[in-house]
Amino acid sequence: MLAALAFFTKGVGRYITAAVLGFALCAGVYVAGYRASTKAHEVDRIKMERAAALRDLRAAEDAATNAERLMSEANRRSVEARKKAEDYAASLPASGGCALTGDDLNRLRNIRQR
């Protein structure tokens, strides 16, 4: 052990020791830089995923708002059509038989088209 220590501290051994230490230092710097780069890329990836999730959330909120608007419009049309049908039914004569004419059928058909 002492002979090895003497070899690495004198003559050619000193250069070998310096080379090994230099290599170890370079390897350490490389690994530290690689880890820092990997973490930076991971942070960028997470930021992009977050931005995409926020875009998806905004799109879903817009779709929900649009669906609510369409639903209220459909409800409003349904109420209007029901009122027109009730008004039409009230305007019919109260006879025991079927007194509908072609004009009555056309009026009934036009309720839906308006």
PDB file of N, CA and C in Angstrom:
ATOM      1  N   MET A   1       0.819  -1.177   0.000  1.00  0.00           N
ATOM      2  CA  MET A   1       0.000   0.000   0.000  1.00  0.00           C
ATOM      3  C   MET A   1       0.866   1.244   0.000  1.00  0.00           C
ATOM      4  N   LEU A   2       1.936   1.218   0.815  1.00  0.00           N
ATOM      5  CA  LEU A   2       2.851   2.341   0.866  1.00  0.00           C
ATOM      6  C   LEU A   2       3.589   2.510  -0.456  1.00  0.00           C
ATOM      7  N   ALA A   3       3.888   1.411  -1.091  1.00  0.00           N
ATOM      8  CA  ALA A   3       4.584   1.479  -2.372  1.00  0.00           C
ATOM      9  C   ALA A   3       3.680   2.106  -3.423  1.00  0.00           C
ATOM     10  N   ALA A   4       2.405   1.794  -3.383  1.00  0.00           N
ATOM     11  CA  ALA A   4       1.464   2.372  -4.338  1.00  0.00           C
ATOM     12  C   ALA A   4       1.324   3.861  -4.094  1.00  0.00           C
ATOM     13  N   LEU A   5       1.251   4.263  -2.823  1.00  0.00           N
ATOM     14  CA  LEU A   5       1.145   5.685  -2.489  1.00  0.00           C
ATOM     15  C   LEU A   5       2.397   6.431  -2.933  1.00  0.00           C
ATOM     16  N   ALA A   6       3.544   5.826  -2.775  1.00  0.00           N
ATOM     17  CA  ALA A   6       4.797   6.450  -3.198  1.00  0.00           C
ATOM     18  C   ALA A   6       4.834   6.563  -4.722  1.00  0.00           C
ATOM     19  N   PHE A   7       4.293   5.550  -5.431  1.00  0.00           N
ATOM     20  CA  PHE A   7       4.299   5.594  -6.890  1.00  0.00           C
ATOM     21  C   PHE A   7       3.426   6.739  -7.405  1.00  0.00           C
ATOM     22  N   PHE A   8       2.239   6.936  -6.798  1.00  0.00           N
ATOM     23  CA  PHE A   8       1.303   7.932  -7.292  1.00  0.00           C
ATOM     24  C   PHE A   8       1.648   9.353  -6.851  1.00  0.00           C
ATOM     25  N   THR A   9       2.642   9.528  -6.013  1.00  0.00           N
ATOM     26  CA  THR A   9       3.022  10.878  -5.591  1.00  0.00           C
ATOM     27  C   THR A   9       4.351  11.322  -6.188  1.00  0.00           C
ATOM     28  N   LYS A  10       5.061  10.476  -6.909  1.00  0.00           N
ATOM     29  CA  LYS A  10       6.366  10.834  -7.474  1.00  0.00           C
ATOM     30  C   LYS A  10       6.457  10.445  -8.924  1.00  0.00           C
ATOM     31  N   GLY A  11       7.172  11.200  -9.701  1.00  0.00           N
ATOM     32  CA  GLY A  11       7.488  10.883 -11.082  1.00  0.00           C
ATOM     33  C   GLY A  11       6.260  10.730 -11.966  1.00  0.00           C
ATOM     34  N   VAL A  12       6.212   9.635 -12.716  1.00  0.00           N
ATOM     35  CA  VAL A  12       5.141   9.354 -13.665  1.00  0.00           C
ATOM     36  C   VAL A  12       3.821   9.140 -12.932  1.00  0.00           C
ATOM     37  N   GLY A  13       3.870   8.607 -11.744  1.00  0.00           N
ATOM     38  CA  GLY A  13       2.670   8.365 -10.960  1.00  0.00           C
ATOM     39  C   GLY A  13       1.912   9.660 -10.676  1.00  0.00           C
ATOM     40  N   ARG A  14       2.661  10.759 -10.516  1.00  0.00           N
ATOM     41  CA  ARG A  14       2.028  12.043 -10.268  1.00  0.00           C
ATOM     42  C   ARG A  14       1.160  12.442 -11.468  1.00  0.00           C
ATOM     43  N   TYR A  15       1.637  12.183 -12.681  1.00  0.00           N
ATOM     44  CA  TYR A  15       0.872  12.510 -13.898  1.00  0.00           C
ATOM     45  C   TYR A  15      -0.369  11.613 -14.040  1.00  0.00           C
ATOM     46  N   ILE A  16      -0.179  10.361 -13.673  1.00  0.00           N
ATOM     47  CA  ILE A  16      -1.314   9.435 -13.719  1.00  0.00           C
ATOM     48  C   ILE A  16      -2.374   9.882 -12.706  1.00  0.00           C
ATOM     49  N   THR A  17      -1.925  10.253 -11.510  1.00  0.00           N
ATOM     50  CA  THR A  17      -2.861  10.722 -10.489  1.00  0.00           C
ATOM     51  C   THR A  17      -3.594  11.967 -10.967  1.00  0.00           C
ATOM     52  N   ALA A  18      -2.853  12.894 -11.565  1.00  0.00           N
ATOM     53  CA  ALA A  18      -3.470  14.130 -12.070  1.00  0.00           C
ATOM     54  C   ALA A  18      -4.464  13.815 -13.179  1.00  0.00           C
ATOM     55  N   ALA A  19      -4.124  12.878 -14.061  1.00  0.00           N
ATOM     56  CA  ALA A  19      -5.028  12.509 -15.158  1.00  0.00           C
ATOM     57  C   ALA A  19      -6.302  11.871 -14.624  1.00  0.00           C
ATOM     58  N   VAL A  20      -6.165  10.974 -13.653  1.00  0.00           N
ATOM     59  CA  VAL A  20      -7.338  10.311 -13.079  1.00  0.00           C
ATOM     60  C   VAL A  20      -8.231  11.329 -12.371  1.00  0.00           C
ATOM     61  N   LEU A  21      -7.621  12.213 -11.589  1.00  0.00           N
ATOM     62  CA  LEU A  21      -8.408  13.241 -10.904  1.00  0.00           C
ATOM     63  C   LEU A  21      -9.070  14.194 -11.902  1.00  0.00           C
ATOM     64  N   GLY A  22      -8.340  14.537 -12.953  1.00  0.00           N
ATOM     65  CA  GLY A  22      -8.911  15.401 -13.998  1.00  0.00           C
ATOM     66  C   GLY A  22     -10.081  14.724 -14.699  1.00  0.00           C
ATOM     67  N   PHE A  23      -9.919  13.447 -15.007  1.00  0.00           N
ATOM     68  CA  PHE A  23     -11.008  12.703 -15.639  1.00  0.00           C
ATOM     69  C   PHE A  23     -12.221  12.644 -14.709  1.00  0.00           C
ATOM     70  N   ALA A  24     -11.983  12.375 -13.419  1.00  0.00           N
ATOM     71  CA  ALA A  24     -13.086  12.298 -12.453  1.00  0.00           C
ATOM     72  C   ALA A  24     -13.797  13.652 -12.354  1.00  0.00           C
ATOM     73  N   LEU A  25     -13.045  14.736 -12.355  1.00  0.00           N
ATOM     74  CA  LEU A  25     -13.629  16.071 -12.301  1.00  0.00           C
ATOM     75  C   LEU A  25     -14.450  16.353 -13.556  1.00  0.00           C
ATOM     76  N   CYS A  26     -13.919  16.019 -14.713  1.00  0.00           N
ATOM     77  CA  CYS A  26     -14.659  16.220 -15.971  1.00  0.00           C
ATOM     78  C   CYS A  26     -15.926  15.374 -16.005  1.00  0.00           C
ATOM     79  N   ALA A  27     -15.821  14.139 -15.556  1.00  0.00           N
ATOM     80  CA  ALA A  27     -16.998  13.258 -15.538  1.00  0.00           C
ATOM     81  C   ALA A  27     -18.055  13.829 -14.592  1.00  0.00           C
ATOM     82  N   GLY A  28     -17.619  14.345 -13.440  1.00  0.00           N
ATOM     83  CA  GLY A  28     -18.557  14.942 -12.494  1.00  0.00           C
ATOM     84  C   GLY A  28     -19.248  16.167 -13.073  1.00  0.00           C
ATOM     85  N   VAL A  29     -18.490  17.013 -13.756  1.00  0.00           N
ATOM     86  CA  VAL A  29     -19.074  18.207 -14.385  1.00  0.00           C
ATOM     87  C   VAL A  29     -20.050  17.795 -15.482  1.00  0.00           C
ATOM     88  N   TYR A  30     -19.688  16.788 -16.271  1.00  0.00           N
ATOM     89  CA  TYR A  30     -20.563  16.317 -17.338  1.00  0.00           C
ATOM     90  C   TYR A  30     -21.879  15.789 -16.769  1.00  0.00           C
ATOM     91  N   VAL A  31     -21.779  14.954 -15.736  1.00  0.00           N
ATOM     92  CA  VAL A  31     -22.986  14.377 -15.134  1.00  0.00           C
ATOM     93  C   VAL A  31     -23.860  15.472 -14.530  1.00  0.00           C
ATOM     94  N   ALA A  32     -23.249  16.445 -13.859  1.00  0.00           N
ATOM     95  CA  ALA A  32     -24.026  17.546 -13.268  1.00  0.00           C
ATOM     96  C   ALA A  32     -24.722  18.359 -14.364  1.00  0.00           C
ATOM     97  N   GLY A  33     -24.016  18.625 -15.454  1.00  0.00           N
ATOM     98  CA  GLY A  33     -24.622  19.361 -16.574  1.00  0.00           C
ATOM     99  C   GLY A  33     -25.742  18.571 -17.229  1.00  0.00           C
ATOM    100  N   TYR A  34     -25.543  17.282 -17.373  1.00  0.00           N
ATOM    101  CA  TYR A  34     -26.573  16.425 -17.965  1.00  0.00           C
ATOM    102  C   TYR A  34     -27.825  16.418 -17.104  1.00  0.00           C
ATOM    103  N   ARG A  35     -27.639  16.301 -15.791  1.00  0.00           N
ATOM    104  CA  ARG A  35     -28.793  16.313 -14.885  1.00  0.00           C
ATOM    105  C   ARG A  35     -29.517  17.661 -14.938  1.00  0.00           C
ATOM    106  N   ALA A  36     -28.755  18.753 -14.967  1.00  0.00           N
ATOM    107  CA  ALA A  36     -29.380  20.077 -15.040  1.00  0.00           C
ATOM    108  C   ALA A  36     -30.158  20.228 -16.348  1.00  0.00           C
ATOM    109  N   SER A  37     -29.582  19.753 -17.430  1.00  0.00           N
ATOM    110  CA  SER A  37     -30.259  19.821 -18.728  1.00  0.00           C
ATOM    111  C   SER A  37     -31.529  18.979 -18.728  1.00  0.00           C
ATOM    112  N   THR A  38     -31.445  17.794 -18.162  1.00  0.00           N
ATOM    113  CA  THR A  38     -32.609  16.913 -18.096  1.00  0.00           C
ATOM    114  C   THR A  38     -33.717  17.548 -17.266  1.00  0.00           C
ATOM    115  N   LYS A  39     -33.348  18.162 -16.154  1.00  0.00           N
ATOM    116  CA  LYS A  39     -34.359  18.809 -15.311  1.00  0.00           C
ATOM    117  C   LYS A  39     -34.974  19.997 -16.033  1.00  0.00           C
ATOM    118  N   ALA A  40     -34.168  20.748 -16.772  1.00  0.00           N
ATOM    119  CA  ALA A  40     -34.700  21.885 -17.525  1.00  0.00           C
ATOM    120  C   ALA A  40     -35.690  21.409 -18.587  1.00  0.00           C
ATOM    121  N   HIS A  41     -35.353  20.323 -19.273  1.00  0.00           N
ATOM    122  CA  HIS A  41     -36.277  19.771 -20.269  1.00  0.00           C
ATOM    123  C   HIS A  41     -37.555  19.253 -19.607  1.00  0.00           C
ATOM    124  N   GLU A  42     -37.417  18.654 -18.444  1.00  0.00           N
ATOM    125  CA  GLU A  42     -38.590  18.156 -17.719  1.00  0.00           C
ATOM    126  C   GLU A  42     -39.502  19.322 -17.315  1.00  0.00           C
ATOM    127  N   VAL A  43     -38.907  20.415 -16.865  1.00  0.00           N
ATOM    128  CA  VAL A  43     -39.694  21.603 -16.504  1.00  0.00           C
ATOM    129  C   VAL A  43     -40.416  22.141 -17.733  1.00  0.00           C
ATOM    130  N   ASP A  44     -39.728  22.220 -18.868  1.00  0.00           N
ATOM    131  CA  ASP A  44     -40.363  22.690 -20.105  1.00  0.00           C
ATOM    132  C   ASP A  44     -41.511  21.780 -20.524  1.00  0.00           C
ATOM    133  N   ARG A  45     -41.305  20.471 -20.396  1.00  0.00           N
ATOM    134  CA  ARG A  45     -42.348  19.510 -20.759  1.00  0.00           C
ATOM    135  C   ARG A  45     -43.578  19.688 -19.873  1.00  0.00           C
ATOM    136  N   ILE A  46     -43.344  19.867 -18.589  1.00  0.00           N
ATOM    137  CA  ILE A  46     -44.460  20.052 -17.654  1.00  0.00           C
ATOM    138  C   ILE A  46     -45.186  21.358 -17.948  1.00  0.00           C
ATOM    139  N   LYS A  47     -44.447  22.409 -18.275  1.00  0.00           N
ATOM    140  CA  LYS A  47     -45.090  23.687 -18.625  1.00  0.00           C
ATOM    141  C   LYS A  47     -45.958  23.542 -19.871  1.00  0.00           C
ATOM    142  N   MET A  48     -45.461  22.803 -20.870  1.00  0.00           N
ATOM    143  CA  MET A  48     -46.248  22.594 -22.090  1.00  0.00           C
ATOM    144  C   MET A  48     -47.493  21.758 -21.796  1.00  0.00           C
ATOM    145  N   GLU A  49     -47.363  20.739 -20.960  1.00  0.00           N
ATOM    146  CA  GLU A  49     -48.530  19.932 -20.595  1.00  0.00           C
ATOM    147  C   GLU A  49     -49.560  20.778 -19.853  1.00  0.00           C
ATOM    148  N   ARG A  50     -49.092  21.660 -18.979  1.00  0.00           N
ATOM    149  CA  ARG A  50     -50.000  22.534 -18.236  1.00  0.00           C
ATOM    150  C   ARG A  50     -50.720  23.470 -19.193  1.00  0.00           C
ATOM    151  N   ALA A  51     -49.985  24.056 -20.129  1.00  0.00           N
ATOM    152  CA  ALA A  51     -50.603  24.961 -21.104  1.00  0.00           C
ATOM    153  C   ALA A  51     -51.655  24.224 -21.939  1.00  0.00           C
ATOM    154  N   ALA A  52     -51.348  22.997 -22.342  1.00  0.00           N
ATOM    155  CA  ALA A  52     -52.310  22.210 -23.120  1.00  0.00           C
ATOM    156  C   ALA A  52     -53.544  21.892 -22.281  1.00  0.00           C
ATOM    157  N   ALA A  53     -53.344  21.569 -21.013  1.00  0.00           N
ATOM    158  CA  ALA A  53     -54.483  21.272 -20.142  1.00  0.00           C
ATOM    159  C   ALA A  53     -55.359  22.508 -19.953  1.00  0.00           C
ATOM    160  N   LEU A  54     -54.732  23.683 -19.823  1.00  0.00           N
ATOM    161  CA  LEU A  54     -55.506  24.920 -19.685  1.00  0.00           C
ATOM    162  C   LEU A  54     -56.282  25.231 -20.962  1.00  0.00           C
ATOM    163  N   ARG A  55     -55.670  24.978 -22.126  1.00  0.00           N
ATOM    164  CA  ARG A  55     -56.386  25.169 -23.396  1.00  0.00           C
ATOM    165  C   ARG A  55     -57.587  24.239 -23.469  1.00  0.00           C
ATOM    166  N   ASP A  56     -57.380  22.978 -23.085  1.00  0.00           N
ATOM    167  CA  ASP A  56     -58.481  22.011 -23.093  1.00  0.00           C
ATOM    168  C   ASP A  56     -59.593  22.429 -22.137  1.00  0.00           C
ATOM    169  N   LEU A  57     -59.206  22.962 -20.974  1.00  0.00           N
ATOM    170  CA  LEU A  57     -60.197  23.417 -20.004  1.00  0.00           C
ATOM    171  C   LEU A  57     -61.018  24.574 -20.561  1.00  0.00           C
ATOM    172  N   ARG A  58     -60.344  25.544 -21.192  1.00  0.00           N
ATOM    173  CA  ARG A  58     -61.071  26.672 -21.789  1.00  0.00           C
ATOM    174  C   ARG A  58     -62.009  26.193 -22.890  1.00  0.00           C
ATOM    175  N   ALA A  59     -61.559  25.250 -23.697  1.00  0.00           N
ATOM    176  CA  ALA A  59     -62.414  24.717 -24.767  1.00  0.00           C
ATOM    177  C   ALA A  59     -63.628  24.001 -24.176  1.00  0.00           C
ATOM    178  N   ALA A  60     -63.425  23.251 -23.107  1.00  0.00           N
ATOM    179  CA  ALA A  60     -64.545  22.553 -22.466  1.00  0.00           C
ATOM    180  C   ALA A  60     -65.523  23.551 -21.858  1.00  0.00           C
ATOM    181  N   GLU A  61     -65.003  24.614 -21.249  1.00  0.00           N
ATOM    182  CA  GLU A  61     -65.886  25.636 -20.687  1.00  0.00           C
ATOM    183  C   GLU A  61     -66.683  26.330 -21.785  1.00  0.00           C
ATOM    184  N   ASP A  62     -66.030  26.627 -22.896  1.00  0.00           N
ATOM    185  CA  ASP A  62     -66.739  27.251 -24.024  1.00  0.00           C
ATOM    186  C   ASP A  62     -67.825  26.321 -24.565  1.00  0.00           C
ATOM    187  N   ALA A  63     -67.495  25.034 -24.659  1.00  0.00           N
ATOM    188  CA  ALA A  63     -68.487  24.069 -25.151  1.00  0.00           C
ATOM    189  C   ALA A  63     -69.672  23.964 -24.185  1.00  0.00           C
ATOM    190  N   ALA A  64     -69.399  24.005 -22.887  1.00  0.00           N
ATOM    191  CA  ALA A  64     -70.482  23.937 -21.902  1.00  0.00           C
ATOM    192  C   ALA A  64     -71.365  25.177 -21.987  1.00  0.00           C
ATOM    193  N   THR A  65     -70.747  26.340 -22.157  1.00  0.00           N
ATOM    194  CA  THR A  65     -71.521  27.570 -22.300  1.00  0.00           C
ATOM    195  C   THR A  65     -72.388  27.520 -23.546  1.00  0.00           C
ATOM    196  N   ASN A  66     -71.821  27.038 -24.636  1.00  0.00           N
ATOM    197  CA  ASN A  66     -72.567  26.918 -25.886  1.00  0.00           C
ATOM    198  C   ASN A  66     -73.719  25.922 -25.734  1.00  0.00           C
ATOM    199  N   ALA A  67     -73.473  24.814 -25.048  1.00  0.00           N
ATOM    200  CA  ALA A  67     -74.529  23.814 -24.834  1.00  0.00           C
ATOM    201  C   ALA A  67     -75.665  24.392 -23.990  1.00  0.00           C
ATOM    202  N   GLU A  68     -75.318  25.175 -22.983  1.00  0.00           N
ATOM    203  CA  GLU A  68     -76.354  25.798 -22.155  1.00  0.00           C
ATOM    204  C   GLU A  68     -77.188  26.779 -22.981  1.00  0.00           C
ATOM    205  N   ARG A  69     -76.519  27.544 -23.846  1.00  0.00           N
ATOM    206  CA  ARG A  69     -77.226  28.497 -24.696  1.00  0.00           C
ATOM    207  C   ARG A  69     -78.172  27.760 -25.646  1.00  0.00           C
ATOM    208  N   LEU A  70     -77.685  26.689 -26.254  1.00  0.00           N
ATOM    209  CA  LEU A  70     -78.522  25.910 -27.166  1.00  0.00           C
ATOM    210  C   LEU A  70     -79.701  25.270 -26.442  1.00  0.00           C
ATOM    211  N   MET A  71     -79.469  24.793 -25.212  1.00  0.00           N
ATOM    212  CA  MET A  71     -80.536  24.176 -24.452  1.00  0.00           C
ATOM    213  C   MET A  71     -81.619  25.204 -24.100  1.00  0.00           C
ATOM    214  N   SER A  72     -81.205  26.396 -23.688  1.00  0.00           N
ATOM    215  CA  SER A  72     -82.205  27.405 -23.344  1.00  0.00           C
ATOM    216  C   SER A  72     -82.974  27.848 -24.587  1.00  0.00           C
ATOM    217  N   GLU A  73     -82.296  27.924 -25.732  1.00  0.00           N
ATOM    218  CA  GLU A  73     -82.969  28.269 -26.988  1.00  0.00           C
ATOM    219  C   GLU A  73     -83.978  27.184 -27.370  1.00  0.00           C
ATOM    220  N   ALA A  74     -83.601  25.922 -27.210  1.00  0.00           N
ATOM    221  CA  ALA A  74     -84.514  24.819 -27.518  1.00  0.00           C
ATOM    222  C   ALA A  74     -85.711  24.832 -26.570  1.00  0.00           C
ATOM    223  N   ASN A  75     -85.479  25.115 -25.306  1.00  0.00           N
ATOM    224  CA  ASN A  75     -86.584  25.212 -24.343  1.00  0.00           C
ATOM    225  C   ASN A  75     -87.531  26.349 -24.715  1.00  0.00           C
ATOM    226  N   ARG A  76     -86.965  27.485 -25.103  1.00  0.00           N
ATOM    227  CA  ARG A  76     -87.791  28.626 -25.495  1.00  0.00           C
ATOM    228  C   ARG A  76     -88.643  28.273 -26.715  1.00  0.00           C
ATOM    229  N   ARG A  77     -88.038  27.617 -27.697  1.00  0.00           N
ATOM    230  CA  ARG A  77     -88.796  27.209 -28.899  1.00  0.00           C
ATOM    231  C   ARG A  77     -89.886  26.202 -28.542  1.00  0.00           C
ATOM    232  N   SER A  78     -89.577  25.298 -27.634  1.00  0.00           N
ATOM    233  CA  SER A  78     -90.554  24.300 -27.215  1.00  0.00           C
ATOM    234  C   SER A  78     -91.757  24.966 -26.550  1.00  0.00           C
ATOM    235  N   VAL A  79     -91.505  25.943 -25.700  1.00  0.00           N
ATOM    236  CA  VAL A  79     -92.598  26.652 -25.030  1.00  0.00           C
ATOM    237  C   VAL A  79     -93.440  27.402 -26.058  1.00  0.00           C
ATOM    238  N   GLU A  80     -92.767  28.043 -27.021  1.00  0.00           N
ATOM    239  CA  GLU A  80     -93.503  28.773 -28.066  1.00  0.00           C
ATOM    240  C   GLU A  80     -94.366  27.821 -28.897  1.00  0.00           C
ATOM    241  N   ALA A  81     -93.802  26.682 -29.279  1.00  0.00           N
ATOM    242  CA  ALA A  81     -94.552  25.713 -30.094  1.00  0.00           C
ATOM    243  C   ALA A  81     -95.736  25.152 -29.304  1.00  0.00           C
ATOM    244  N   ARG A  82     -95.517  24.874 -28.022  1.00  0.00           N
ATOM    245  CA  ARG A  82     -96.608  24.359 -27.193  1.00  0.00           C
ATOM    246  C   ARG A  82     -97.729  25.399 -27.091  1.00  0.00           C
ATOM    247  N   LYS A  83     -97.365  26.680 -26.905  1.00  0.00           N
ATOM    248  CA  LYS A  83     -98.370  27.737 -26.819  1.00  0.00           C
ATOM    249  C   LYS A  83     -99.140  27.862 -28.132  1.00  0.00           C
ATOM    250  N   LYS A  84     -98.421  27.797 -29.259  1.00  0.00           N
ATOM    251  CA  LYS A  84     -99.102  27.875 -30.563  1.00  0.00           C
ATOM    252  C   LYS A  84    -100.061  26.698 -30.742  1.00  0.00           C
ATOM    253  N   ALA A  85     -99.640  25.508 -30.335  1.00  0.00           N
ATOM    254  CA  ALA A  85    -100.505  24.330 -30.472  1.00  0.00           C
ATOM    255  C   ALA A  85    -101.734  24.462 -29.576  1.00  0.00           C
ATOM    256  N   GLU A  86    -101.547  24.972 -28.358  1.00  0.00           N
ATOM    257  CA  GLU A  86    -102.676  25.161 -27.454  1.00  0.00           C
ATOM    258  C   GLU A  86    -103.641  26.223 -27.993  1.00  0.00           C
ATOM    259  N   ASP A  87    -103.063  27.323 -28.536  1.00  0.00           N
ATOM    260  CA  ASP A  87    -103.919  28.362 -29.138  1.00  0.00           C
ATOM    261  C   ASP A  87    -104.699  27.798 -30.318  1.00  0.00           C
ATOM    262  N   TYR A  88    -104.020  26.970 -31.103  1.00  0.00           N
ATOM    263  CA  TYR A  88    -104.693  26.358 -32.255  1.00  0.00           C
ATOM    264  C   TYR A  88    -105.806  25.432 -31.795  1.00  0.00           C
ATOM    265  N   ALA A  89    -105.524  24.635 -30.770  1.00  0.00           N
ATOM    266  CA  ALA A  89    -106.536  23.711 -30.267  1.00  0.00           C
ATOM    267  C   ALA A  89    -107.731  24.473 -29.711  1.00  0.00           C
ATOM    268  N   ALA A  90    -107.462  25.618 -29.095  1.00  0.00           N
ATOM    269  CA  ALA A  90    -108.562  26.411 -28.550  1.00  0.00           C
ATOM    270  C   ALA A  90    -109.402  27.036 -29.662  1.00  0.00           C
ATOM    271  N   SER A  91    -108.799  27.278 -30.826  1.00  0.00           N
ATOM    272  CA  SER A  91    -109.542  27.909 -31.924  1.00  0.00           C
ATOM    273  C   SER A  91    -110.410  26.907 -32.696  1.00  0.00           C
ATOM    274  N   LEU A  92    -110.232  25.628 -32.460  1.00  0.00           N
ATOM    275  CA  LEU A  92    -111.029  24.616 -33.157  1.00  0.00           C
ATOM    276  C   LEU A  92    -112.443  24.548 -32.571  1.00  0.00           C
ATOM    277  N   PRO A  93    -113.413  24.264 -33.405  1.00  0.00           N
ATOM    278  CA  PRO A  93    -114.781  24.132 -32.885  1.00  0.00           C
ATOM    279  C   PRO A  93    -114.896  22.890 -32.002  1.00  0.00           C
ATOM    280  N   ALA A  94    -115.735  22.965 -31.028  1.00  0.00           N
ATOM    281  CA  ALA A  94    -115.895  21.868 -30.079  1.00  0.00           C
ATOM    282  C   ALA A  94    -117.009  20.933 -30.526  1.00  0.00           C
ATOM    283  N   SER A  95    -116.872  20.354 -31.683  1.00  0.00           N
ATOM    284  CA  SER A  95    -117.892  19.428 -32.168  1.00  0.00           C
ATOM    285  C   SER A  95    -117.489  18.012 -31.800  1.00  0.00           C
ATOM    286  N   GLY A  96    -118.442  17.120 -31.855  1.00  0.00           N
ATOM    287  CA  GLY A  96    -118.176  15.730 -31.503  1.00  0.00           C
ATOM    288  C   GLY A  96    -117.409  14.999 -32.581  1.00  0.00           C
ATOM    289  N   GLY A  97    -117.538  15.401 -33.815  1.00  0.00           N
ATOM    290  CA  GLY A  97    -116.860  14.716 -34.914  1.00  0.00           C
ATOM    291  C   GLY A  97    -115.590  15.453 -35.302  1.00  0.00           C
ATOM    292  N   CYS A  98    -114.961  14.949 -36.288  1.00  0.00           N
ATOM    293  CA  CYS A  98    -113.735  15.572 -36.775  1.00  0.00           C
ATOM    294  C   CYS A  98    -114.120  16.612 -37.810  1.00  0.00           C
ATOM    295  N   ALA A  99    -113.946  17.864 -37.441  1.00  0.00           N
ATOM    296  CA  ALA A  99    -114.322  18.941 -38.352  1.00  0.00           C
ATOM    297  C   ALA A  99    -113.089  19.608 -38.946  1.00  0.00           C
ATOM    298  N   LEU A 100    -111.983  18.913 -38.985  1.00  0.00           N
ATOM    299  CA  LEU A 100    -110.753  19.499 -39.528  1.00  0.00           C
ATOM    300  C   LEU A 100    -110.845  19.567 -41.045  1.00  0.00           C
ATOM    301  N   THR A 101    -110.376  20.677 -41.567  1.00  0.00           N
ATOM    302  CA  THR A 101    -110.324  20.851 -43.015  1.00  0.00           C
ATOM    303  C   THR A 101    -108.867  20.851 -43.443  1.00  0.00           C
ATOM    304  N   GLY A 102    -108.653  20.958 -44.718  1.00  0.00           N
ATOM    305  CA  GLY A 102    -107.286  21.041 -45.236  1.00  0.00           C
ATOM    306  C   GLY A 102    -106.574  22.288 -44.725  1.00  0.00           C
ATOM    307  N   ASP A 103    -107.325  23.381 -44.591  1.00  0.00           N
ATOM    308  CA  ASP A 103    -106.724  24.613 -44.065  1.00  0.00           C
ATOM    309  C   ASP A 103    -106.270  24.422 -42.618  1.00  0.00           C
ATOM    310  N   ASP A 104    -107.048  23.687 -41.830  1.00  0.00           N
ATOM    311  CA  ASP A 104    -106.645  23.418 -40.442  1.00  0.00           C
ATOM    312  C   ASP A 104    -105.349  22.623 -40.390  1.00  0.00           C
ATOM    313  N   LEU A 105    -105.236  21.648 -41.255  1.00  0.00           N
ATOM    314  CA  LEU A 105    -104.011  20.841 -41.294  1.00  0.00           C
ATOM    315  C   LEU A 105    -102.807  21.679 -41.727  1.00  0.00           C
ATOM    316  N   ASN A 106    -103.020  22.574 -42.700  1.00  0.00           N
ATOM    317  CA  ASN A 106    -101.933  23.454 -43.128  1.00  0.00           C
ATOM    318  C   ASN A 106    -101.519  24.384 -41.995  1.00  0.00           C
ATOM    319  N   ARG A 107    -102.497  24.920 -41.241  1.00  0.00           N
ATOM    320  CA  ARG A 107    -102.162  25.782 -40.105  1.00  0.00           C
ATOM    321  C   ARG A 107    -101.362  25.008 -39.065  1.00  0.00           C
ATOM    322  N   LEU A 108    -101.765  23.781 -38.810  1.00  0.00           N
ATOM    323  CA  LEU A 108    -101.063  22.944 -37.847  1.00  0.00           C
ATOM    324  C   LEU A 108     -99.630  22.652 -38.320  1.00  0.00           C
ATOM    325  N   ARG A 109     -99.462  22.394 -39.597  1.00  0.00           N
ATOM    326  CA  ARG A 109     -98.143  22.139 -40.167  1.00  0.00           C
ATOM    327  C   ARG A 109     -97.262  23.379 -40.082  1.00  0.00           C
ATOM    328  N   ASN A 110     -97.860  24.553 -40.283  1.00  0.00           N
ATOM    329  CA  ASN A 110     -97.098  25.808 -40.267  1.00  0.00           C
ATOM    330  C   ASN A 110     -96.670  26.225 -38.857  1.00  0.00           C
ATOM    331  N   ILE A 111     -97.294  25.704 -37.839  1.00  0.00           N
ATOM    332  CA  ILE A 111     -96.885  26.037 -36.478  1.00  0.00           C
ATOM    333  C   ILE A 111     -95.431  25.636 -36.263  1.00  0.00           C
ATOM    334  N   ARG A 112     -95.077  24.492 -36.772  1.00  0.00           N
ATOM    335  CA  ARG A 112     -93.729  23.983 -36.593  1.00  0.00           C
ATOM    336  C   ARG A 112     -92.713  24.762 -37.426  1.00  0.00           C
ATOM    337  N   GLN A 113     -93.108  25.273 -38.569  1.00  0.00           N
ATOM    338  CA  GLN A 113     -92.178  25.946 -39.470  1.00  0.00           C
ATOM    339  C   GLN A 113     -91.847  27.362 -39.018  1.00  0.00           C
ATOM    340  N   ARG A 114     -92.666  27.965 -38.242  1.00  0.00           N
ATOM    341  CA  ARG A 114     -92.414  29.362 -37.828  1.00  0.00           C
ATOM    342  C   ARG A 114     -91.389  29.469 -36.801  1.00  0.00           C
TER     343      ARG A 114
END
